[in-house]
Amino acid sequence: MRGVADATMVSEEVVKAGRIWLSAISAKPDRAPARANIIALPGGGHTCRYWHHPRKQDASLLHLGALLGYRVVAFDRPGYGTSTDAKGSGFSHDQQIELFAEAITRVCHASEADQLFLVGHSMGGILSIKLAASGELADLQGIDVSGVPYQFSDVLLTAMAEATPTNASRSARSLFYGPEGSFDPSIFKADNQVTAPVPPSELEDSSVWPKQFSAITRRVTVPVQYTLADHDRTTPSDDTTLEAIRNNFSASPRVETRRQLASGHNISFHHIARSYHLRAIAFFDEVLALQGR
């Protein structure tokens, strides 16, 4: 694991996983030891910098997590960043789970903290749920996911059917963002930092997610917080949907479902990002507090 700090006190790192190196950014608290490790996984078409708002530092999950005592590592998923050319068509979800189980274990072993939490958005949220269900992460204490569809909207199905390997924010502004005024439009000037072409295999794997939802979520045995935006056009976010989601996590000791106000699918790029990230960290704080930590 190698890292070089930048001027924002967020470090760029690469982590070995199988035969590839996964790029990441990380931040740690000023005082050791960290309360726990937070591993953040971005969605399709986005880099690890989805979690580090390029226009609002105080909304960054990495800055907030480190400020509140956590070690935060946001990964580029396999097929992005340093592993873009490792496999032309991309990596299947099963391959990504195997690689992340190794990479996350490496990060935790190199850390002074044993406890682990996952934060995932959209496709990264699907992978977070699958990682939790796999049982591969022995020290996993809980997960927070956002923008993970329970059912695909007609608009999303059409977008997936017509998808080409292109920049996520330019091609899907109306799909991934809420109303004008709910986000800073200058976010699109940072496209080359926060978005990337989507590997074809990701879309193929994701297309079957709604059929897998029940079988996989019922194997998750850690606390879960699940957030859908009120203006998310990829999936319904009504009360009936949130109740169905809660019921599917039947083996989890605690399930919180929330509707994020004033946001579209990409919550972490909206004005409300700081509130959402603080809520995720508060959820992890509560999990640790209930353990007496």
C-alpha atoms as a PDB file:
ATOM      1  CA  MET A   1       0.000   0.000   0.000  1.00  0.00           C
ATOM      2  CA  ARG A   2       1.576   3.266  -1.118  1.00  0.00           C
ATOM      3  CA  GLY A   3       0.428   6.848  -0.613  1.00  0.00           C
ATOM      4  CA  VAL A   4       1.388  10.482  -1.249  1.00  0.00           C
ATOM      5  CA  ALA A   5      -0.415  13.326   0.542  1.00  0.00           C
ATOM      6  CA  ASP A   6      -1.812  16.247  -1.449  1.00  0.00           C
ATOM      7  CA  ALA A   7      -2.425  19.824  -0.363  1.00  0.00           C
ATOM      8  CA  THR A   8      -5.933  19.060   0.894  1.00  0.00           C
ATOM      9  CA  MET A   9      -4.638  16.478   3.415  1.00  0.00           C
ATOM     10  CA  VAL A  10      -6.317  13.767   1.361  1.00  0.00           C
ATOM     11  CA  SER A  11      -3.838  11.169   0.153  1.00  0.00           C
ATOM     12  CA  GLU A  12      -3.755   9.344  -3.166  1.00  0.00           C
ATOM     13  CA  GLU A  13      -3.035   5.650  -2.711  1.00  0.00           C
ATOM     14  CA  VAL A  14      -2.857   2.369  -4.559  1.00  0.00           C
ATOM     15  CA  VAL A  15      -3.764  -0.955  -2.950  1.00  0.00           C
ATOM     16  CA  LYS A  16      -2.826  -4.410  -4.248  1.00  0.00           C
ATOM     17  CA  ALA A  17      -5.704  -6.769  -5.016  1.00  0.00           C
ATOM     18  CA  GLY A  18      -4.976  -9.970  -6.869  1.00  0.00           C
ATOM     19  CA  ARG A  19      -2.896  -9.072  -9.915  1.00  0.00           C
ATOM     20  CA  ILE A  20      -4.029  -5.455 -10.098  1.00  0.00           C
ATOM     21  CA  TRP A  21      -3.582  -2.222  -8.163  1.00  0.00           C
ATOM     22  CA  LEU A  22      -6.688  -0.299  -7.121  1.00  0.00           C
ATOM     23  CA  SER A  23      -6.383   3.476  -6.892  1.00  0.00           C
ATOM     24  CA  ALA A  24      -7.924   5.273  -3.926  1.00  0.00           C
ATOM     25  CA  ILE A  25      -7.944   8.453  -1.905  1.00  0.00           C
ATOM     26  CA  SER A  26      -7.850   8.475   1.880  1.00  0.00           C
ATOM     27  CA  ALA A  27      -7.926  10.680   4.952  1.00  0.00           C
ATOM     28  CA  LYS A  28      -7.189   9.948   8.576  1.00  0.00           C
ATOM     29  CA  PRO A  29      -7.785  11.770  11.855  1.00  0.00           C
ATOM     30  CA  ASP A  30      -5.107  13.925  13.438  1.00  0.00           C
ATOM     31  CA  ARG A  31      -5.122  11.763  16.552  1.00  0.00           C
ATOM     32  CA  ALA A  32      -4.591   8.004  16.569  1.00  0.00           C
ATOM     33  CA  PRO A  33      -6.073   5.536  16.870  1.00  0.00           C
ATOM     34  CA  ALA A  34      -8.959   6.020  14.471  1.00  0.00           C
ATOM     35  CA  ARG A  35     -12.406   5.010  15.739  1.00  0.00           C
ATOM     36  CA  ALA A  36     -12.834   2.642  12.790  1.00  0.00           C
ATOM     37  CA  ASN A  37     -12.202   2.326   9.064  1.00  0.00           C
ATOM     38  CA  ILE A  38     -14.764   3.607   6.558  1.00  0.00           C
ATOM     39  CA  ILE A  39     -14.434   2.142   3.066  1.00  0.00           C
ATOM     40  CA  ALA A  40     -16.357   4.081   0.391  1.00  0.00           C
ATOM     41  CA  LEU A  41     -17.322   2.648  -3.006  1.00  0.00           C
ATOM     42  CA  PRO A  42     -18.635   4.909  -5.822  1.00  0.00           C
ATOM     43  CA  GLY A  43     -21.290   4.071  -8.384  1.00  0.00           C
ATOM     44  CA  GLY A  44     -21.038   3.299 -12.083  1.00  0.00           C
ATOM     45  CA  GLY A  45     -19.298   5.919 -14.166  1.00  0.00           C
ATOM     46  CA  HIS A  46     -17.770   7.636 -11.131  1.00  0.00           C
ATOM     47  CA  THR A  47     -14.317   7.627  -9.608  1.00  0.00           C
ATOM     48  CA  CYS A  48     -13.346   7.530  -5.956  1.00  0.00           C
ATOM     49  CA  ARG A  49     -13.608  11.333  -5.921  1.00  0.00           C
ATOM     50  CA  TYR A  50     -17.374  11.047  -5.878  1.00  0.00           C
ATOM     51  CA  TRP A  51     -16.868  11.006  -2.089  1.00  0.00           C
ATOM     52  CA  HIS A  52     -14.644  14.108  -2.060  1.00  0.00           C
ATOM     53  CA  HIS A  53     -16.789  16.993  -3.325  1.00  0.00           C
ATOM     54  CA  PRO A  54     -14.610  19.060  -5.709  1.00  0.00           C
ATOM     55  CA  ARG A  55     -16.462  22.317  -4.976  1.00  0.00           C
ATOM     56  CA  LYS A  56     -17.354  22.049  -1.264  1.00  0.00           C
ATOM     57  CA  GLN A  57     -14.651  20.706   1.024  1.00  0.00           C
ATOM     58  CA  ASP A  58     -16.937  20.757   4.047  1.00  0.00           C
ATOM     59  CA  ALA A  59     -19.281  18.325   2.241  1.00  0.00           C
ATOM     60  CA  SER A  60     -16.550  15.750   1.566  1.00  0.00           C
ATOM     61  CA  LEU A  61     -17.060  12.378   3.257  1.00  0.00           C
ATOM     62  CA  LEU A  62     -13.296  12.086   3.624  1.00  0.00           C
ATOM     63  CA  HIS A  63     -12.886  15.409   5.435  1.00  0.00           C
ATOM     64  CA  LEU A  64     -15.922  14.867   7.653  1.00  0.00           C
ATOM     65  CA  GLY A  65     -14.985  11.283   8.488  1.00  0.00           C
ATOM     66  CA  ALA A  66     -11.409  12.189   9.401  1.00  0.00           C
ATOM     67  CA  LEU A  67     -12.581  15.217  11.411  1.00  0.00           C
ATOM     68  CA  LEU A  68     -14.864  12.921  13.422  1.00  0.00           C
ATOM     69  CA  GLY A  69     -12.181  10.357  14.134  1.00  0.00           C
ATOM     70  CA  TYR A  70     -12.446   7.827  11.299  1.00  0.00           C
ATOM     71  CA  ARG A  71      -9.932   6.557   8.767  1.00  0.00           C
ATOM     72  CA  VAL A  72     -11.700   6.914   5.391  1.00  0.00           C
ATOM     73  CA  VAL A  73     -10.585   5.201   2.182  1.00  0.00           C
ATOM     74  CA  ALA A  74     -12.543   5.788  -1.032  1.00  0.00           C
ATOM     75  CA  PHE A  75     -11.669   3.337  -3.795  1.00  0.00           C
ATOM     76  CA  ASP A  76     -11.825   3.412  -7.543  1.00  0.00           C
ATOM     77  CA  ARG A  77     -13.614   0.197  -8.346  1.00  0.00           C
ATOM     78  CA  PRO A  78     -11.882  -2.408 -10.587  1.00  0.00           C
ATOM     79  CA  GLY A  79     -11.940  -1.151 -14.172  1.00  0.00           C
ATOM     80  CA  TYR A  80     -11.465   2.473 -13.097  1.00  0.00           C
ATOM     81  CA  GLY A  81      -8.399   4.540 -12.219  1.00  0.00           C
ATOM     82  CA  THR A  82      -5.172   2.552 -12.177  1.00  0.00           C
ATOM     83  CA  SER A  83      -6.990  -0.636 -13.210  1.00  0.00           C
ATOM     84  CA  THR A  84      -8.802   0.896 -16.213  1.00  0.00           C
ATOM     85  CA  ASP A  85      -6.819  -1.135 -18.740  1.00  0.00           C
ATOM     86  CA  ALA A  86      -6.514  -4.287 -16.646  1.00  0.00           C
ATOM     87  CA  LYS A  87      -9.510  -5.911 -18.320  1.00  0.00           C
ATOM     88  CA  GLY A  88     -11.046  -4.424 -21.447  1.00  0.00           C
ATOM     89  CA  SER A  89     -14.714  -5.223 -20.811  1.00  0.00           C
ATOM     90  CA  GLY A  90     -14.465  -4.564 -17.076  1.00  0.00           C
ATOM     91  CA  PHE A  91     -14.877  -6.792 -14.036  1.00  0.00           C
ATOM     92  CA  SER A  92     -17.982  -8.716 -13.017  1.00  0.00           C
ATOM     93  CA  HIS A  93     -19.560  -8.068  -9.629  1.00  0.00           C
ATOM     94  CA  ASP A  94     -18.251 -11.411  -8.360  1.00  0.00           C
ATOM     95  CA  GLN A  95     -14.726 -10.495  -9.461  1.00  0.00           C
ATOM     96  CA  GLN A  96     -15.027  -7.068  -7.846  1.00  0.00           C
ATOM     97  CA  ILE A  97     -16.205  -8.619  -4.570  1.00  0.00           C
ATOM     98  CA  GLU A  98     -13.214 -10.969  -4.534  1.00  0.00           C
ATOM     99  CA  LEU A  99     -10.779  -8.132  -5.267  1.00  0.00           C
ATOM    100  CA  PHE A 100     -12.337  -5.800  -2.703  1.00  0.00           C
ATOM    101  CA  ALA A 101     -12.320  -8.456   0.011  1.00  0.00           C
ATOM    102  CA  GLU A 102      -8.549  -8.613  -0.428  1.00  0.00           C
ATOM    103  CA  ALA A 103      -7.977  -4.873  -0.789  1.00  0.00           C
ATOM    104  CA  ILE A 104     -10.152  -3.949   2.189  1.00  0.00           C
ATOM    105  CA  THR A 105      -8.448  -6.571   4.340  1.00  0.00           C
ATOM    106  CA  ARG A 106      -5.080  -5.042   3.401  1.00  0.00           C
ATOM    107  CA  VAL A 107      -6.279  -1.558   4.326  1.00  0.00           C
ATOM    108  CA  CYS A 108      -7.604  -2.721   7.694  1.00  0.00           C
ATOM    109  CA  HIS A 109      -4.454  -4.685   8.525  1.00  0.00           C
ATOM    110  CA  ALA A 110      -2.390  -1.558   7.803  1.00  0.00           C
ATOM    111  CA  SER A 111      -4.665   0.529  10.022  1.00  0.00           C
ATOM    112  CA  GLU A 112      -4.592   0.962  13.784  1.00  0.00           C
ATOM    113  CA  ALA A 113      -8.345   0.266  13.899  1.00  0.00           C
ATOM    114  CA  ASP A 114     -10.027  -3.133  13.632  1.00  0.00           C
ATOM    115  CA  GLN A 115     -13.662  -2.127  13.078  1.00  0.00           C
ATOM    116  CA  LEU A 116     -14.873  -1.604   9.536  1.00  0.00           C
ATOM    117  CA  PHE A 117     -17.851   0.126   7.892  1.00  0.00           C
ATOM    118  CA  LEU A 118     -18.841   0.279   4.230  1.00  0.00           C
ATOM    119  CA  VAL A 119     -20.419   3.247   2.449  1.00  0.00           C
ATOM    120  CA  GLY A 120     -21.633   2.630  -1.081  1.00  0.00           C
ATOM    121  CA  HIS A 121     -23.457   4.635  -3.715  1.00  0.00           C
ATOM    122  CA  SER A 122     -25.561   3.096  -6.496  1.00  0.00           C
ATOM    123  CA  MET A 123     -23.484   0.288  -8.065  1.00  0.00           C
ATOM    124  CA  GLY A 124     -20.988   0.720  -5.231  1.00  0.00           C
ATOM    125  CA  GLY A 125     -23.926   0.293  -2.839  1.00  0.00           C
ATOM    126  CA  ILE A 126     -24.909  -2.949  -4.570  1.00  0.00           C
ATOM    127  CA  LEU A 127     -21.344  -4.177  -4.099  1.00  0.00           C
ATOM    128  CA  SER A 128     -21.382  -3.070  -0.440  1.00  0.00           C
ATOM    129  CA  ILE A 129     -24.518  -5.147   0.158  1.00  0.00           C
ATOM    130  CA  LYS A 130     -23.006  -8.122  -1.677  1.00  0.00           C
ATOM    131  CA  LEU A 131     -19.772  -7.807   0.326  1.00  0.00           C
ATOM    132  CA  ALA A 132     -21.763  -7.730   3.575  1.00  0.00           C
ATOM    133  CA  ALA A 133     -23.763 -10.781   2.488  1.00  0.00           C
ATOM    134  CA  SER A 134     -20.614 -12.687   1.493  1.00  0.00           C
ATOM    135  CA  GLY A 135     -19.236 -12.867   5.031  1.00  0.00           C
ATOM    136  CA  GLU A 136     -15.729 -12.180   3.666  1.00  0.00           C
ATOM    137  CA  LEU A 137     -15.126  -9.153   5.918  1.00  0.00           C
ATOM    138  CA  ALA A 138     -14.763 -10.456   9.453  1.00  0.00           C
ATOM    139  CA  ASP A 139     -14.635  -7.052  11.165  1.00  0.00           C
ATOM    140  CA  LEU A 140     -17.530  -5.462   9.265  1.00  0.00           C
ATOM    141  CA  GLN A 141     -19.783  -3.602  11.708  1.00  0.00           C
ATOM    142  CA  GLY A 142     -22.364  -1.994   9.415  1.00  0.00           C
ATOM    143  CA  ILE A 143     -23.126  -0.540   5.995  1.00  0.00           C
ATOM    144  CA  ASP A 144     -24.634   2.689   4.687  1.00  0.00           C
ATOM    145  CA  VAL A 145     -25.865   2.678   1.092  1.00  0.00           C
ATOM    146  CA  SER A 146     -27.545   5.308  -1.053  1.00  0.00           C
ATOM    147  CA  GLY A 147     -29.073   5.294  -4.515  1.00  0.00           C
ATOM    148  CA  VAL A 148     -29.362   1.496  -4.660  1.00  0.00           C
ATOM    149  CA  PRO A 149     -32.480   0.689  -6.699  1.00  0.00           C
ATOM    150  CA  TYR A 150     -35.033  -1.714  -5.277  1.00  0.00           C
ATOM    151  CA  GLN A 151     -36.800  -1.706  -8.622  1.00  0.00           C
ATOM    152  CA  PHE A 152     -35.549  -0.057 -11.806  1.00  0.00           C
ATOM    153  CA  SER A 153     -37.563   2.866 -13.116  1.00  0.00           C
ATOM    154  CA  ASP A 154     -38.609   2.882 -16.771  1.00  0.00           C
ATOM    155  CA  VAL A 155     -36.278   5.838 -17.306  1.00  0.00           C
ATOM    156  CA  LEU A 156     -33.309   3.889 -15.943  1.00  0.00           C
ATOM    157  CA  LEU A 157     -34.141   0.780 -17.994  1.00  0.00           C
ATOM    158  CA  THR A 158     -34.164   2.898 -21.132  1.00  0.00           C
ATOM    159  CA  ALA A 159     -30.854   4.532 -20.190  1.00  0.00           C
ATOM    160  CA  MET A 160     -29.245   1.140 -19.528  1.00  0.00           C
ATOM    161  CA  ALA A 161     -30.488  -0.253 -22.836  1.00  0.00           C
ATOM    162  CA  GLU A 162     -29.040   2.706 -24.728  1.00  0.00           C
ATOM    163  CA  ALA A 163     -25.884   3.049 -22.651  1.00  0.00           C
ATOM    164  CA  THR A 164     -22.504   3.595 -24.254  1.00  0.00           C
ATOM    165  CA  PRO A 165     -19.133   3.873 -22.476  1.00  0.00           C
ATOM    166  CA  THR A 166     -19.386   7.590 -21.840  1.00  0.00           C
ATOM    167  CA  ASN A 167     -19.064  10.149 -19.124  1.00  0.00           C
ATOM    168  CA  ALA A 168     -21.736   9.602 -16.455  1.00  0.00           C
ATOM    169  CA  SER A 169     -22.517  13.210 -15.547  1.00  0.00           C
ATOM    170  CA  ARG A 170     -22.635  14.575 -19.106  1.00  0.00           C
ATOM    171  CA  SER A 171     -24.801  11.740 -20.425  1.00  0.00           C
ATOM    172  CA  ALA A 172     -27.217  11.486 -17.505  1.00  0.00           C
ATOM    173  CA  ARG A 173     -27.659  14.884 -15.874  1.00  0.00           C
ATOM    174  CA  SER A 174     -31.447  14.544 -15.908  1.00  0.00           C
ATOM    175  CA  LEU A 175     -31.233  11.007 -14.494  1.00  0.00           C
ATOM    176  CA  PHE A 176     -28.735  11.509 -11.674  1.00  0.00           C
ATOM    177  CA  TYR A 177     -29.391  15.069 -10.487  1.00  0.00           C
ATOM    178  CA  GLY A 178     -32.328  16.757  -8.789  1.00  0.00           C
ATOM    179  CA  PRO A 179     -34.003  20.057  -9.654  1.00  0.00           C
ATOM    180  CA  GLU A 180     -32.028  23.144 -10.590  1.00  0.00           C
ATOM    181  CA  GLY A 181     -30.902  24.819  -7.385  1.00  0.00           C
ATOM    182  CA  SER A 182     -30.377  21.531  -5.505  1.00  0.00           C
ATOM    183  CA  PHE A 183     -26.758  21.308  -6.695  1.00  0.00           C
ATOM    184  CA  ASP A 184     -23.964  23.565  -7.913  1.00  0.00           C
ATOM    185  CA  PRO A 185     -23.854  23.274 -11.740  1.00  0.00           C
ATOM    186  CA  SER A 186     -20.114  23.980 -11.660  1.00  0.00           C
ATOM    187  CA  ILE A 187     -19.771  20.352 -10.540  1.00  0.00           C
ATOM    188  CA  PHE A 188     -19.759  19.468 -14.249  1.00  0.00           C
ATOM    189  CA  LYS A 189     -16.517  21.379 -14.710  1.00  0.00           C
ATOM    190  CA  ALA A 190     -14.889  18.653 -12.600  1.00  0.00           C
ATOM    191  CA  ASP A 191     -15.996  15.843 -14.934  1.00  0.00           C
ATOM    192  CA  ASN A 192     -12.474  14.629 -15.597  1.00  0.00           C
ATOM    193  CA  GLN A 193     -11.943  14.160 -11.841  1.00  0.00           C
ATOM    194  CA  VAL A 194     -15.173  12.514 -10.764  1.00  0.00           C
ATOM    195  CA  THR A 195     -16.501  10.573 -13.759  1.00  0.00           C
ATOM    196  CA  ALA A 196     -15.184   7.906 -16.120  1.00  0.00           C
ATOM    197  CA  PRO A 197     -16.441   5.578 -18.873  1.00  0.00           C
ATOM    198  CA  VAL A 198     -18.602   2.683 -17.632  1.00  0.00           C
ATOM    199  CA  PRO A 199     -17.182  -0.796 -18.376  1.00  0.00           C
ATOM    200  CA  PRO A 200     -19.820  -2.831 -20.312  1.00  0.00           C
ATOM    201  CA  SER A 201     -19.781  -5.804 -17.915  1.00  0.00           C
ATOM    202  CA  GLU A 202     -21.015  -3.569 -15.067  1.00  0.00           C
ATOM    203  CA  LEU A 203     -24.222  -2.789 -16.919  1.00  0.00           C
ATOM    204  CA  GLU A 204     -24.776  -6.468 -17.685  1.00  0.00           C
ATOM    205  CA  ASP A 205     -24.337  -7.487 -14.034  1.00  0.00           C
ATOM    206  CA  SER A 206     -26.439  -4.633 -12.726  1.00  0.00           C
ATOM    207  CA  SER A 207     -29.377  -5.461 -14.986  1.00  0.00           C
ATOM    208  CA  VAL A 208     -30.249  -8.521 -12.861  1.00  0.00           C
ATOM    209  CA  TRP A 209     -29.953  -6.776  -9.487  1.00  0.00           C
ATOM    210  CA  PRO A 210     -33.707  -6.405  -8.768  1.00  0.00           C
ATOM    211  CA  LYS A 211     -34.110 -10.183  -9.212  1.00  0.00           C
ATOM    212  CA  GLN A 212     -31.231 -10.811  -6.771  1.00  0.00           C
ATOM    213  CA  PHE A 213     -32.298  -8.230  -4.195  1.00  0.00           C
ATOM    214  CA  SER A 214     -34.256 -10.441  -1.786  1.00  0.00           C
ATOM    215  CA  ALA A 215     -31.882 -13.406  -1.817  1.00  0.00           C
ATOM    216  CA  ILE A 216     -28.815 -11.250  -1.148  1.00  0.00           C
ATOM    217  CA  THR A 217     -30.213  -8.752   1.342  1.00  0.00           C
ATOM    218  CA  ARG A 218     -31.571 -11.565   3.519  1.00  0.00           C
ATOM    219  CA  ARG A 219     -27.995 -12.732   4.112  1.00  0.00           C
ATOM    220  CA  VAL A 220     -26.811  -9.397   5.556  1.00  0.00           C
ATOM    221  CA  THR A 221     -26.316  -9.731   9.327  1.00  0.00           C
ATOM    222  CA  VAL A 222     -24.923  -6.272  10.219  1.00  0.00           C
ATOM    223  CA  PRO A 223     -26.786  -2.974  10.797  1.00  0.00           C
ATOM    224  CA  VAL A 224     -27.911  -1.233   7.607  1.00  0.00           C
ATOM    225  CA  GLN A 225     -28.808   2.354   6.749  1.00  0.00           C
ATOM    226  CA  TYR A 226     -30.429   2.708   3.315  1.00  0.00           C
ATOM    227  CA  THR A 227     -31.103   6.095   1.695  1.00  0.00           C
ATOM    228  CA  LEU A 228     -33.000   7.002  -1.468  1.00  0.00           C
ATOM    229  CA  ALA A 229     -33.280  10.567  -2.750  1.00  0.00           C
ATOM    230  CA  ASP A 230     -36.678  12.178  -3.070  1.00  0.00           C
ATOM    231  CA  HIS A 231     -35.855  13.135  -6.687  1.00  0.00           C
ATOM    232  CA  ASP A 232     -34.140   9.860  -7.622  1.00  0.00           C
ATOM    233  CA  ARG A 233     -35.270   8.914 -11.126  1.00  0.00           C
ATOM    234  CA  THR A 234     -33.592   5.477 -11.118  1.00  0.00           C
ATOM    235  CA  THR A 235     -35.983   3.862  -8.655  1.00  0.00           C
ATOM    236  CA  PRO A 236     -39.149   4.540  -6.644  1.00  0.00           C
ATOM    237  CA  SER A 237     -38.471   6.079  -3.213  1.00  0.00           C
ATOM    238  CA  ASP A 238     -41.991   6.110  -1.749  1.00  0.00           C
ATOM    239  CA  ASP A 239     -42.968   4.750   1.683  1.00  0.00           C
ATOM    240  CA  THR A 240     -44.067   1.394   0.248  1.00  0.00           C
ATOM    241  CA  THR A 241     -40.671   0.891  -1.369  1.00  0.00           C
ATOM    242  CA  LEU A 242     -38.801   1.839   1.808  1.00  0.00           C
ATOM    243  CA  GLU A 243     -40.909  -0.585   3.841  1.00  0.00           C
ATOM    244  CA  ALA A 244     -40.236  -3.399   1.359  1.00  0.00           C
ATOM    245  CA  ILE A 245     -36.513  -2.694   1.588  1.00  0.00           C
ATOM    246  CA  ARG A 246     -36.605  -2.884   5.393  1.00  0.00           C
ATOM    247  CA  ASN A 247     -38.466  -6.195   5.295  1.00  0.00           C
ATOM    248  CA  ASN A 248     -35.926  -7.754   2.946  1.00  0.00           C
ATOM    249  CA  PHE A 249     -33.021  -7.185   5.363  1.00  0.00           C
ATOM    250  CA  SER A 250     -34.608  -9.746   7.672  1.00  0.00           C
ATOM    251  CA  ALA A 251     -31.354 -10.991   9.248  1.00  0.00           C
ATOM    252  CA  SER A 252     -30.008  -7.542  10.054  1.00  0.00           C
ATOM    253  CA  PRO A 253     -30.262  -6.511  13.721  1.00  0.00           C
ATOM    254  CA  ARG A 254     -31.130  -2.938  12.700  1.00  0.00           C
ATOM    255  CA  VAL A 255     -32.375  -1.404   9.450  1.00  0.00           C
ATOM    256  CA  GLU A 256     -32.880   2.329   8.960  1.00  0.00           C
ATOM    257  CA  THR A 257     -34.424   3.529   5.684  1.00  0.00           C
ATOM    258  CA  ARG A 258     -34.440   7.206   4.823  1.00  0.00           C
ATOM    259  CA  ARG A 259     -35.634   9.502   2.060  1.00  0.00           C
ATOM    260  CA  GLN A 260     -33.086  12.230   1.422  1.00  0.00           C
ATOM    261  CA  LEU A 261     -34.785  15.552   0.760  1.00  0.00           C
ATOM    262  CA  ALA A 262     -33.686  18.043  -1.909  1.00  0.00           C
ATOM    263  CA  SER A 263     -31.551  15.602  -3.857  1.00  0.00           C
ATOM    264  CA  GLY A 264     -31.303  13.504  -6.968  1.00  0.00           C
ATOM    265  CA  HIS A 265     -29.553  10.143  -7.331  1.00  0.00           C
ATOM    266  CA  ASN A 266     -26.018  11.529  -6.847  1.00  0.00           C
ATOM    267  CA  ILE A 267     -26.609  12.710  -3.275  1.00  0.00           C
ATOM    268  CA  SER A 268     -22.940  13.427  -2.590  1.00  0.00           C
ATOM    269  CA  PHE A 269     -22.885  16.107  -5.313  1.00  0.00           C
ATOM    270  CA  HIS A 270     -25.937  17.994  -4.057  1.00  0.00           C
ATOM    271  CA  HIS A 271     -26.091  20.847  -1.546  1.00  0.00           C
ATOM    272  CA  ILE A 272     -27.468  18.329   0.947  1.00  0.00           C
ATOM    273  CA  ALA A 273     -24.288  16.193   0.726  1.00  0.00           C
ATOM    274  CA  ARG A 274     -22.892  17.348   4.067  1.00  0.00           C
ATOM    275  CA  SER A 275     -26.102  16.371   5.872  1.00  0.00           C
ATOM    276  CA  TYR A 276     -26.164  12.950   4.232  1.00  0.00           C
ATOM    277  CA  HIS A 277     -22.509  12.218   5.034  1.00  0.00           C
ATOM    278  CA  LEU A 278     -22.949  13.359   8.640  1.00  0.00           C
ATOM    279  CA  ARG A 279     -25.971  11.053   8.947  1.00  0.00           C
ATOM    280  CA  ALA A 280     -23.925   8.116   7.655  1.00  0.00           C
ATOM    281  CA  ILE A 281     -21.164   8.820  10.166  1.00  0.00           C
ATOM    282  CA  ALA A 282     -23.715   9.283  12.974  1.00  0.00           C
ATOM    283  CA  PHE A 283     -25.117   5.852  12.133  1.00  0.00           C
ATOM    284  CA  PHE A 284     -21.652   4.347  12.508  1.00  0.00           C
ATOM    285  CA  ASP A 285     -21.162   6.266  15.770  1.00  0.00           C
ATOM    286  CA  GLU A 286     -24.378   4.727  17.107  1.00  0.00           C
ATOM    287  CA  VAL A 287     -23.307   1.211  16.115  1.00  0.00           C
ATOM    288  CA  LEU A 288     -20.024   1.646  18.007  1.00  0.00           C
ATOM    289  CA  ALA A 289     -21.732   3.288  21.000  1.00  0.00           C
ATOM    290  CA  LEU A 290     -24.134   0.374  21.338  1.00  0.00           C
ATOM    291  CA  GLN A 291     -21.083  -1.885  21.492  1.00  0.00           C
ATOM    292  CA  GLY A 292     -19.650   0.276  24.273  1.00  0.00           C
ATOM    293  CA  ARG A 293     -16.866   1.633  22.078  1.00  0.00           C
END
